[in-house]
Amino acid sequence: MEKTVLRVEGMSCNHCKMAVENAVRDAGAEGAVDLAGGIVTVNYNPAQVELDTIIARIEEEGYNCGKINKAVFLWTRFFP
C-alpha cells in the first residue's frame, strides 16, 4: 500500500467530503478528506489502481484535483 496526499479544490461541505471519499473508494482505494485543509489522504495499492485513475475519478465528480509537492505541503501546514 502507498499513501499520498492530494489537493482537492472546490470542497465546501460534508456532501463534498462524502463525494470525494466515495470517488476514491469507487476507484479502488481508501481516502480520508480534510475539508478545512482542502486535501484527501489516499491509501492505495499501485498494483491494482494508478494514482492518475484516482485523480480522474475525483475530477469526474466536479473537483479540481492534483498531486501535492510534499515539501510545500509540510511547509504550509506548519507555517500557514
Foldseek 3Di string as FASTA:
>chain_A
DDKFKKAKPDQDDVVLQVQLQVLLVVQPWGWGDDRVVRMIIIDHDCVRGPPVSSQVSSVVVPIHMDGDDVVVVVCVVVPD
